C-alpha cells in the first residue's frame, strides 16, 4: 500500500527541486555527448581514415581490420576505468570523478589530432595512437556510470526511466556530432586533403567542447542520495567493505544480468553505426559522405526515441521494453544487410534507422534498470562493472569480428547470425533479472554492511 501523502522537504532526493533536476540532466547529457563524440569520432575515423594514415602498407580491408583492432583495444581499458572510477565514485562522490573523466577523454582526443602519421615516424605512430585510445577507454569506463547515477539519484522513482534516459541520449548525440563533423569535412575537401590533414580538425575541436562541458559540469551539485549515504557511513563504527568486494559478494547476480543485458545492445550498436561505414564504402562502394549521412539521420531519430522509450519503461516496466528491443534487433540484423547491399542511400538510411529504433528500446531503460539493481554505496561500482566488463566481450570486438567474418566468408549473413546470437544472450539475461521499476533508491549504504536493496516501492 502506498504511504500517506506527506509534504516532502525541498532537499528530498526522491522529490528534487524543480530547477535542480533539469540542470543535472543537462550537465549529464552535455558531458556524455562530448565524451561519446570523442569516442565515436575515433570509431568513424578508424573505419574511414586510420587504415590509410597509420597502416598504409596493408590492403584496404586489412588496413581497416588493423584500425578496428586499435579501436577494440580501447575497450580493454574500460573495465579498469569502471573499477577505479566506481571505487572512488562510491567513496568520495559522483561529481569529482565525472570532471576527471571529461578531462581525460578530451585530452586524449585532442592529442590524437596532433599525432604524426606512419609515413612520418613509422611504427611509433600506431603505437601512440593505441596509447591514447587506451586513455579514452579508461575515461569512458568511468563516465557512463557516474553520469546516469547522478541523474537517477537526483530524480524520483515515478519518472526515473525518463530522466535517466537523457544521459543515454549522449551516445546518439555524440555520434551525430562526430559523423556530422566528419561528413562536413569530407564534403568540403578532396579525399587527398581529408587524408592529409582534414581528419585532424574534428579531433582538435574536442578541446573546445571539453571546456564547455567542464564549465557546465562543475556547476552541478553532488547526488543527494550519495551525500546521505556518506553521512550515514561516517556515523557507523564498523568498517565498510570496499565497494568492489560488496558488489561481488552481494550483487554478483545483478552484475551478470547487467553484463548479459548489454551483449545485444553493445554489439548491435557498433555494427549499426561503426562497422556499417566500412561495409558501405568497401562492399557497396557508396561514398564516405553518403554512408556518414545515413548514420547521421539514424542517430538524429534515435536521440528523439530514447526519452520516449525511457518514459515507456516507467509505465510498463524496464524488462518488457528491453526484451522487445533485443528480439527486434536480432531479427532486423538479417534485413539490415540485405538493405545495405542494395547500394541505395535511402535503403541504407532506413536500415540504420530501424536498427537504432530497436537499439533504443534497450538503451533507453538501461540507465534506470542498472541503477536500480544496486544500493547507493556500491551503485557506481556495480553499474559500471556490469556495463563495462561486458563491453570487452561485446562492443570491443564487434567491428573486428564483423570485418573478419566478412573477409573470411565474403557475405554479411554470418555477421547477422552473430548479432542474433547476442540477442538470444540478452533475452535470457533480462528474463533472469528482476523488474526494478519503482525501486526506492534511498537506501543510505545498506550494501556496505551486506544488507539487501529495498524492494520496489508501491506506485
Protein backbone atom coordinates (compact mmCIF):
# COMPACT_ATOMS: atom_id res chain seq x y z
CA UNK A 1 0.00 0.00 0.00
CA UNK A 2 1.34 3.44 -0.82
CA UNK A 3 2.36 5.58 2.12
CA UNK A 4 0.15 8.54 3.13
CA UNK A 5 0.95 11.76 1.34
CA UNK A 6 3.33 13.88 3.42
CA UNK A 7 4.82 17.19 2.29
CA UNK A 8 8.45 16.50 1.42
CA UNK A 9 11.30 18.82 2.25
CA UNK A 10 12.81 20.76 -0.61
CA UNK A 11 16.01 18.73 -0.46
CA UNK A 12 14.36 15.30 -0.57
CA UNK A 13 16.30 13.12 -3.01
CA UNK A 14 13.13 11.41 -4.21
CA UNK A 15 11.40 14.74 -4.97
CA UNK A 16 14.09 17.19 -6.11
CA UNK A 17 13.58 20.91 -6.52
CA UNK A 18 12.03 21.63 -9.94
CA UNK A 19 15.06 23.67 -11.02
CA UNK A 20 17.60 21.11 -9.80
CA UNK A 21 16.81 18.03 -11.88
CA UNK A 22 16.75 19.69 -15.34
CA UNK A 23 20.14 21.28 -14.56
CA UNK A 24 21.60 17.90 -13.57
CA UNK A 25 20.10 16.25 -16.66
CA UNK A 26 21.55 18.95 -18.92
CA UNK A 27 25.01 18.64 -17.36
CA UNK A 28 24.99 14.85 -17.68
CA UNK A 29 23.69 14.94 -21.25
CA UNK A 30 26.22 17.54 -22.42
CA UNK A 31 29.06 15.74 -20.68
CA UNK A 32 28.18 12.34 -22.12
CA UNK A 33 27.62 13.86 -25.57
CA UNK A 34 31.15 15.28 -25.56
CA UNK A 35 32.69 12.05 -24.32
CA UNK A 36 30.79 9.94 -26.84
CA UNK A 37 31.71 12.42 -29.55
CA UNK A 38 35.35 11.78 -28.73
CA UNK A 39 34.86 8.02 -28.62
CA UNK A 40 32.76 7.68 -31.77
CA UNK A 41 34.99 10.07 -33.65
CA UNK A 42 37.73 7.51 -33.23
CA UNK A 43 35.44 4.70 -34.43
CA UNK A 44 34.36 6.64 -37.51
CA UNK A 45 37.94 7.63 -38.29
CA UNK A 46 39.04 4.00 -37.83
CA UNK A 47 36.52 2.98 -40.48
CA UNK A 48 37.37 5.76 -42.94
CA UNK A 49 40.85 7.17 -42.29
CA UNK A 50 43.20 5.35 -39.94
CA UNK A 51 43.83 2.41 -42.28
CA UNK A 52 45.37 4.83 -44.78
CA UNK A 53 47.15 7.10 -42.28
CA UNK A 54 48.52 4.64 -39.72
CA UNK A 55 48.55 1.31 -41.63
CA UNK A 56 49.34 2.27 -45.23
CA UNK A 57 51.28 -0.91 -46.04
CA UNK A 58 48.20 -3.15 -45.81
CA UNK A 59 45.48 -3.74 -48.40
CA UNK A 60 42.30 -1.68 -47.75
CA UNK A 61 40.30 -4.36 -45.89
CA UNK A 62 43.32 -5.46 -43.82
CA UNK A 63 44.08 -1.81 -43.04
CA UNK A 64 40.51 -1.40 -41.81
CA UNK A 65 40.90 -4.57 -39.75
CA UNK A 66 44.05 -3.21 -38.10
CA UNK A 67 42.32 0.12 -37.46
CA UNK A 68 39.43 -1.66 -35.76
CA UNK A 69 41.98 -3.59 -33.70
CA UNK A 70 43.26 -0.35 -32.17
CA UNK A 71 39.59 0.64 -31.77
CA UNK A 72 38.92 -2.58 -29.86
CA UNK A 73 41.96 -2.12 -27.61
CA UNK A 74 40.30 0.95 -26.11
CA UNK A 75 37.59 -1.29 -24.72
CA UNK A 76 40.19 -3.25 -22.75
CA UNK A 77 40.76 -0.18 -20.57
CA UNK A 78 37.06 0.36 -19.88
CA UNK A 79 36.79 -2.31 -17.14
CA UNK A 80 39.81 -0.77 -15.41
CA UNK A 81 38.13 2.62 -15.64
CA UNK A 82 34.95 1.09 -14.23
CA UNK A 83 36.84 -0.34 -11.25
CA UNK A 84 38.84 2.80 -10.46
CA UNK A 85 36.09 5.34 -11.06
CA UNK A 86 33.49 3.09 -9.45
CA UNK A 87 35.55 2.67 -6.28
CA UNK A 88 36.28 6.35 -5.80
CA UNK A 89 32.85 7.41 -7.07
CA UNK A 90 31.26 5.31 -4.32
CA UNK A 91 33.73 6.65 -1.75
CA UNK A 92 34.17 10.36 -2.50
CA UNK A 93 31.30 11.24 -4.83
CA UNK A 94 30.00 11.11 -8.41
CA UNK A 95 30.73 14.71 -9.43
CA UNK A 96 34.52 14.74 -8.87
CA UNK A 97 35.02 11.61 -10.94
CA UNK A 98 32.84 12.92 -13.76
CA UNK A 99 35.01 16.02 -14.05
CA UNK A 100 38.15 13.85 -14.20
CA UNK A 101 36.71 11.55 -16.87
CA UNK A 102 35.83 14.52 -19.07
CA UNK A 103 39.34 15.95 -18.84
CA UNK A 104 41.00 12.61 -19.61
CA UNK A 105 38.79 11.89 -22.60
CA UNK A 106 39.09 15.36 -24.09
CA UNK A 107 42.85 15.49 -23.61
CA UNK A 108 43.41 12.13 -25.30
CA UNK A 109 41.16 13.02 -28.24
CA UNK A 110 42.87 16.36 -28.80
CA UNK A 111 46.28 14.68 -28.80
CA UNK A 112 45.12 12.16 -31.42
CA UNK A 113 44.56 15.14 -33.71
CA UNK A 114 48.23 16.07 -33.22
CA UNK A 115 49.73 12.63 -33.92
CA UNK A 116 52.34 12.14 -36.65
CA UNK A 117 51.48 9.62 -39.39
CA UNK A 118 53.12 6.31 -40.22
CA UNK A 119 54.95 7.91 -43.14
CA UNK A 120 56.46 10.48 -40.74
CA UNK A 121 57.60 8.36 -37.77
CA UNK A 122 56.93 4.75 -38.76
CA UNK A 123 55.61 2.25 -36.23
CA UNK A 124 55.67 4.84 -33.43
CA UNK A 125 52.53 6.42 -34.95
CA UNK A 126 50.15 3.45 -34.43
CA UNK A 127 51.76 2.81 -31.01
CA UNK A 128 50.98 6.36 -29.86
CA UNK A 129 47.50 6.05 -31.34
CA UNK A 130 46.93 2.88 -29.30
CA UNK A 131 48.12 4.51 -26.05
CA UNK A 132 45.73 7.43 -26.47
CA UNK A 133 42.93 5.01 -27.32
CA UNK A 134 43.58 3.25 -24.01
CA UNK A 135 43.22 6.58 -22.18
CA UNK A 136 39.92 7.15 -23.97
CA UNK A 137 38.68 3.74 -22.91
CA UNK A 138 39.74 4.26 -19.29
CA UNK A 139 37.88 7.58 -19.14
CA UNK A 140 34.71 6.26 -20.76
CA UNK A 141 34.73 3.27 -18.41
CA UNK A 142 34.14 5.70 -15.56
CA UNK A 143 31.93 8.23 -17.34
CA UNK A 144 28.81 6.21 -18.04
CA UNK A 145 28.11 5.01 -14.52
CA UNK A 146 28.63 8.40 -12.93
CA UNK A 147 26.52 10.30 -15.45
CA UNK A 148 23.46 8.06 -15.27
CA UNK A 149 23.69 7.71 -11.48
CA UNK A 150 23.86 11.45 -10.94
CA UNK A 151 20.52 11.80 -12.72
CA UNK A 152 18.97 8.65 -11.24
CA UNK A 153 19.85 9.70 -7.70
CA UNK A 154 18.50 13.23 -8.17
CA UNK A 155 15.25 12.07 -9.76
CA UNK A 156 12.11 10.49 -8.34
CA UNK A 157 11.18 6.85 -8.82
CA UNK A 158 7.97 7.57 -10.76
CA UNK A 159 9.77 9.10 -13.76
CA UNK A 160 13.27 7.76 -13.26
CA UNK A 161 13.24 5.87 -16.55
CA UNK A 162 12.50 9.07 -18.45
CA UNK A 163 15.00 11.32 -16.69
CA UNK A 164 17.80 8.75 -16.52
CA UNK A 165 17.45 8.06 -20.24
CA UNK A 166 18.61 11.57 -21.14
CA UNK A 167 22.32 10.89 -20.45
CA UNK A 168 21.86 7.85 -22.72
CA UNK A 169 20.99 10.34 -25.42
CA UNK A 170 24.62 11.42 -25.27
CA UNK A 171 25.55 8.36 -27.35
CA UNK A 172 23.48 9.19 -30.45
CA UNK A 173 24.11 12.91 -29.92
CA UNK A 174 27.86 12.31 -29.76
CA UNK A 175 27.70 10.03 -32.78
CA UNK A 176 25.60 12.63 -34.58
CA UNK A 177 28.16 15.30 -33.80
CA UNK A 178 31.14 13.13 -34.77
CA UNK A 179 29.58 11.88 -38.01
CA UNK A 180 28.35 15.39 -38.80
CA UNK A 181 31.76 17.00 -38.45
CA UNK A 182 33.42 14.24 -40.48
CA UNK A 183 30.71 14.49 -43.12
CA UNK A 184 31.23 18.24 -43.36
CA UNK A 185 34.98 17.81 -43.74
CA UNK A 186 34.63 15.18 -46.47
CA UNK A 187 32.08 17.37 -48.27
CA UNK A 188 34.28 20.46 -48.45
CA UNK A 189 37.61 18.70 -49.05
CA UNK A 190 39.08 16.39 -51.63
CA UNK A 191 39.97 12.85 -50.49
CA UNK A 192 43.65 13.76 -50.59
CA UNK A 193 43.22 16.85 -48.39
CA UNK A 194 40.98 14.98 -45.95
CA UNK A 195 43.52 12.16 -45.56
CA UNK A 196 46.37 14.66 -45.32
CA UNK A 197 45.07 17.00 -42.61
CA UNK A 198 41.28 17.39 -42.68
CA UNK A 199 40.64 14.37 -40.44
CA UNK A 200 42.55 16.11 -37.63
CA UNK A 201 40.14 19.04 -37.30
CA UNK A 202 37.30 17.11 -35.57
CA UNK A 203 39.78 15.74 -33.02
CA UNK A 204 41.22 19.17 -32.26
CA UNK A 205 37.70 20.57 -31.79
CA UNK A 206 37.38 18.33 -28.75
CA UNK A 207 39.45 20.78 -26.72
CA UNK A 208 36.79 23.47 -27.18
CA UNK A 209 33.94 21.09 -26.40
CA UNK A 210 35.61 19.89 -23.20
CA UNK A 211 35.92 23.44 -21.88
CA UNK A 212 32.18 23.94 -22.42
CA UNK A 213 31.34 20.62 -20.77
CA UNK A 214 33.63 21.29 -17.84
CA UNK A 215 32.05 24.68 -17.16
CA UNK A 216 28.58 23.14 -17.08
CA UNK A 217 29.52 20.03 -15.10
CA UNK A 218 31.30 21.98 -12.33
CA UNK A 219 28.05 23.86 -11.61
CA UNK A 220 26.13 20.69 -10.68
CA UNK A 221 25.55 19.56 -7.09
CA UNK A 222 26.61 16.18 -5.78
CA UNK A 223 23.95 13.47 -5.63
CA UNK A 224 21.77 13.99 -2.52
CA UNK A 225 21.44 10.23 -2.06
CA UNK A 226 25.20 9.83 -2.06
CA UNK A 227 25.64 12.64 0.47
CA UNK A 228 23.07 10.99 2.75
CA UNK A 229 24.74 7.59 2.35
CA UNK A 230 28.17 9.06 3.08
CA UNK A 231 26.90 10.80 6.21
CA UNK A 232 25.34 7.55 7.45
CA UNK A 233 28.57 5.64 6.73
CA UNK A 234 30.63 8.15 8.73
CA UNK A 235 28.37 7.66 11.76
CA UNK A 236 28.81 3.90 11.86
CA UNK A 237 31.57 2.34 13.91
CA UNK A 238 32.05 -0.86 11.90
CA UNK A 239 34.27 -0.54 8.80
CA UNK A 240 32.74 -0.70 5.36
CA UNK A 241 33.80 -3.30 2.85
CA UNK A 242 35.39 -1.90 -0.31
CA UNK A 243 32.67 -1.30 -2.95
CA UNK A 244 34.07 -3.96 -5.29
CA UNK A 245 34.01 -6.60 -2.55
CA UNK A 246 30.45 -5.65 -1.59
CA UNK A 247 29.31 -5.81 -5.22
CA UNK A 248 30.84 -9.22 -5.89
CA UNK A 249 29.51 -10.63 -2.61
CA UNK A 250 26.00 -9.18 -2.51
CA UNK A 251 25.19 -8.27 -6.12
CA UNK A 252 27.02 -10.79 -8.32
CA UNK A 253 23.75 -12.00 -9.87
CA UNK A 254 22.81 -8.41 -10.75
CA UNK A 255 26.25 -7.88 -12.30
CA UNK A 256 25.73 -10.95 -14.51
CA UNK A 257 22.27 -9.72 -15.52
CA UNK A 258 23.71 -6.32 -16.49
CA UNK A 259 26.56 -7.92 -18.45
CA UNK A 260 24.20 -10.19 -20.38
CA UNK A 261 21.75 -7.37 -20.99
CA UNK A 262 24.47 -5.37 -22.70
CA UNK A 263 25.50 -8.03 -25.23
CA UNK A 264 22.89 -7.36 -27.91
CA UNK A 265 22.73 -3.64 -27.13
CA UNK A 266 26.51 -3.15 -27.41
CA UNK A 267 27.22 -5.43 -30.36
CA UNK A 268 24.32 -4.19 -32.47
CA UNK A 269 25.18 -0.55 -31.88
CA UNK A 270 28.74 -0.82 -33.12
CA UNK A 271 27.68 -2.88 -36.11
CA UNK A 272 24.94 -0.37 -36.96
CA UNK A 273 27.00 2.80 -36.52
CA UNK A 274 30.69 1.93 -36.93
CA UNK A 275 31.15 -1.22 -38.99
CA UNK A 276 28.44 -0.11 -41.41
CA UNK A 277 30.66 2.79 -42.52
CA UNK A 278 33.42 0.46 -43.66
CA UNK A 279 30.90 -2.00 -45.09
CA UNK A 280 29.09 0.61 -47.16
CA UNK A 281 32.31 2.06 -48.57
CA UNK A 282 34.18 -1.19 -49.30
CA UNK A 283 31.33 -3.54 -50.23
CA UNK A 284 28.66 -1.38 -51.85
CA UNK A 285 31.05 1.38 -52.96
CA UNK A 286 28.99 4.22 -51.55
CA UNK A 287 30.89 7.49 -50.99
CA UNK A 288 32.14 8.15 -47.45
CA UNK A 289 29.84 11.12 -47.04
CA UNK A 290 26.79 9.11 -48.13
CA UNK A 291 27.47 6.42 -45.53
CA UNK A 292 28.06 9.05 -42.85
CA UNK A 293 24.81 10.80 -43.75
CA UNK A 294 22.85 7.57 -43.25
CA UNK A 295 24.30 7.24 -39.74
CA UNK A 296 23.61 10.94 -39.13
CA UNK A 297 19.91 10.55 -39.91
CA UNK A 298 19.59 7.37 -37.85
CA UNK A 299 21.34 8.98 -34.87
CA UNK A 300 19.07 12.04 -35.02
CA UNK A 301 15.99 9.81 -34.91
CA UNK A 302 17.45 7.78 -32.06
CA UNK A 303 18.11 10.89 -29.99
CA UNK A 304 14.36 11.59 -30.06
CA UNK A 305 13.43 7.96 -29.40
CA UNK A 306 15.49 7.42 -26.25
CA UNK A 307 13.49 9.63 -23.83
CA UNK A 308 10.25 8.28 -25.30
CA UNK A 309 11.25 4.69 -24.57
CA UNK A 310 12.60 5.74 -21.17
CA UNK A 311 9.14 7.14 -20.35
CA UNK A 312 7.52 3.96 -21.67
CA UNK A 313 9.62 1.90 -19.25
CA UNK A 314 8.15 3.97 -16.40
CA UNK A 315 4.68 2.83 -17.44
CA UNK A 316 5.14 -0.83 -18.43
CA UNK A 317 8.45 -1.75 -16.77
CA UNK A 318 12.11 -1.93 -17.76
CA UNK A 319 12.09 -5.59 -18.81
CA UNK A 320 9.25 -5.57 -21.41
CA UNK A 321 10.75 -2.62 -23.30
CA UNK A 322 14.25 -4.11 -23.15
CA UNK A 323 13.09 -7.55 -24.35
CA UNK A 324 11.22 -6.20 -27.39
CA UNK A 325 14.35 -4.27 -28.37
CA UNK A 326 16.59 -7.34 -28.06
CA UNK A 327 14.31 -9.57 -30.12
CA UNK A 328 13.81 -6.83 -32.68
CA UNK A 329 17.48 -6.14 -33.27
CA UNK A 330 18.25 -9.86 -33.55
CA UNK A 331 15.67 -10.29 -36.33
CA UNK A 332 16.42 -6.97 -38.03
CA UNK A 333 20.12 -7.82 -38.46
CA UNK A 334 19.25 -10.09 -41.39
CA UNK A 335 17.08 -7.44 -43.05
CA UNK A 336 19.67 -4.76 -42.32
CA UNK A 337 22.41 -6.22 -44.50
CA UNK A 338 20.03 -7.08 -47.32
CA UNK A 339 19.01 -3.44 -47.48
CA UNK A 340 22.60 -2.22 -47.17
CA UNK A 341 23.67 -4.50 -50.05
CA UNK A 342 21.38 -2.64 -52.46
CA UNK A 343 23.80 0.28 -52.52
CA UNK A 344 20.84 2.64 -52.14
CA UNK A 345 21.26 5.58 -49.78
CA UNK A 346 17.55 5.53 -48.95
CA UNK A 347 17.55 1.83 -48.07
CA UNK A 348 20.77 2.13 -46.06
CA UNK A 349 19.26 5.02 -44.10
CA UNK A 350 16.09 3.06 -43.35
CA UNK A 351 18.17 0.03 -42.37
CA UNK A 352 20.26 2.02 -39.89
CA UNK A 353 17.29 3.96 -38.50
CA UNK A 354 15.13 0.90 -37.84
CA UNK A 355 18.10 -0.88 -36.28
CA UNK A 356 18.64 2.07 -33.95
CA UNK A 357 14.90 2.08 -33.17
CA UNK A 358 15.22 -1.40 -31.67
CA UNK A 359 18.54 -0.50 -30.06
CA UNK A 360 16.86 2.46 -28.35
CA UNK A 361 14.38 0.13 -26.69
CA UNK A 362 17.31 -1.50 -24.89
CA UNK A 363 19.46 1.55 -24.36
CA UNK A 364 16.76 3.90 -23.01
CA UNK A 365 15.67 1.89 -19.93
CA UNK A 366 19.20 0.62 -19.31
CA UNK A 367 20.29 3.57 -17.15
CA UNK A 368 17.41 3.28 -14.70
CA UNK A 369 17.44 -0.53 -14.86
CA UNK A 370 21.12 -0.83 -13.90
CA UNK A 371 20.91 1.95 -11.29
CA UNK A 372 18.01 0.20 -9.57
CA UNK A 373 19.88 -3.11 -9.34
CA UNK A 374 22.40 -1.78 -6.79
CA UNK A 375 22.42 0.06 -3.47
CA UNK A 376 23.81 3.56 -3.00
CA UNK A 377 27.27 2.85 -1.57
CA UNK A 378 28.06 0.31 -4.31
CA UNK A 379 25.90 1.68 -7.14
CA UNK A 380 28.70 3.38 -9.10
CA UNK A 381 30.87 0.25 -8.89
CA UNK A 382 28.05 -2.20 -9.62
CA UNK A 383 26.55 -0.35 -12.56
CA UNK A 384 29.97 0.43 -14.06
CA UNK A 385 31.31 -3.10 -13.68
CA UNK A 386 28.19 -4.65 -15.17
CA UNK A 387 28.19 -2.22 -18.08
CA UNK A 388 31.90 -2.03 -18.88
CA UNK A 389 33.11 -5.58 -18.33
CA UNK A 390 30.57 -6.77 -20.87
CA UNK A 391 31.90 -4.23 -23.37
CA UNK A 392 35.15 -6.22 -23.61
CA UNK A 393 33.24 -9.21 -24.96
CA UNK A 394 30.59 -7.22 -26.81
CA UNK A 395 31.40 -3.78 -28.22
CA UNK A 396 35.19 -4.16 -28.28
CA UNK A 397 35.43 -6.96 -30.83
CA UNK A 398 32.17 -6.26 -32.68
CA UNK A 399 33.59 -4.27 -35.63
CA UNK A 400 36.67 -6.51 -35.61
CA UNK A 401 34.63 -9.74 -35.68
CA UNK A 402 32.26 -8.32 -38.29
CA UNK A 403 35.19 -7.33 -40.53
CA UNK A 404 36.88 -10.73 -40.07
CA UNK A 405 33.65 -12.59 -40.87
CA UNK A 406 33.18 -10.51 -44.00
CA UNK A 407 36.75 -11.19 -45.09
CA UNK A 408 36.51 -14.94 -44.47
CA UNK A 409 33.03 -15.60 -45.88
CA UNK A 410 32.54 -12.74 -48.33
CA UNK A 411 28.97 -12.40 -47.04
CA UNK A 412 27.18 -10.43 -44.34
CA UNK A 413 24.96 -13.36 -43.29
CA UNK A 414 27.44 -14.63 -40.66
CA UNK A 415 27.50 -11.11 -39.19
CA UNK A 416 23.72 -11.14 -38.88
CA UNK A 417 23.93 -14.53 -37.15
CA UNK A 418 26.50 -13.05 -34.76
CA UNK A 419 24.09 -10.24 -33.82
CA UNK A 420 21.21 -12.70 -33.43
CA UNK A 421 23.23 -14.88 -31.03
CA UNK A 422 23.97 -11.80 -28.93
CA UNK A 423 20.23 -11.04 -28.89
CA UNK A 424 19.48 -14.51 -27.51
CA UNK A 425 22.02 -13.99 -24.70
CA UNK A 426 20.43 -10.65 -23.81
CA UNK A 427 16.90 -12.07 -23.77
CA UNK A 428 17.98 -14.83 -21.37
CA UNK A 429 19.82 -12.36 -19.10
CA UNK A 430 16.91 -9.91 -18.89
CA UNK A 431 14.43 -12.70 -18.22
CA UNK A 432 16.64 -13.85 -15.34
CA UNK A 433 16.72 -10.34 -13.84
CA UNK A 434 14.11 -8.79 -11.60
CA UNK A 435 11.79 -5.99 -12.65
CA UNK A 436 13.14 -2.84 -10.99
CA UNK A 437 10.56 -0.21 -11.95
CA UNK A 438 9.54 1.69 -8.81
CA UNK A 439 12.60 0.71 -6.77
CA UNK A 440 13.34 3.12 -3.92
CA UNK A 441 16.98 4.23 -4.23
CA UNK A 442 17.02 5.80 -0.78
CA UNK A 443 19.00 3.09 0.99
CA UNK A 444 21.80 5.07 2.64
CA UNK A 445 24.56 2.49 2.47
CA UNK A 446 22.91 -0.81 3.35
CA UNK A 447 25.03 -2.82 0.94
CA UNK A 448 28.28 -1.78 2.57
CA UNK A 449 27.26 -3.96 5.52
CA UNK A 450 25.86 -6.71 3.33
CA UNK A 451 22.18 -5.76 3.60
CA UNK A 452 19.93 -6.19 0.63
CA UNK A 453 18.49 -3.44 -1.55
CA UNK A 454 14.94 -2.35 -0.82
CA UNK A 455 12.23 -3.94 -2.90
CA UNK A 456 10.35 -1.85 -5.44
CA UNK A 457 8.00 0.53 -3.69
CA UNK A 458 4.31 0.74 -4.37
CA UNK A 459 3.47 3.11 -7.20
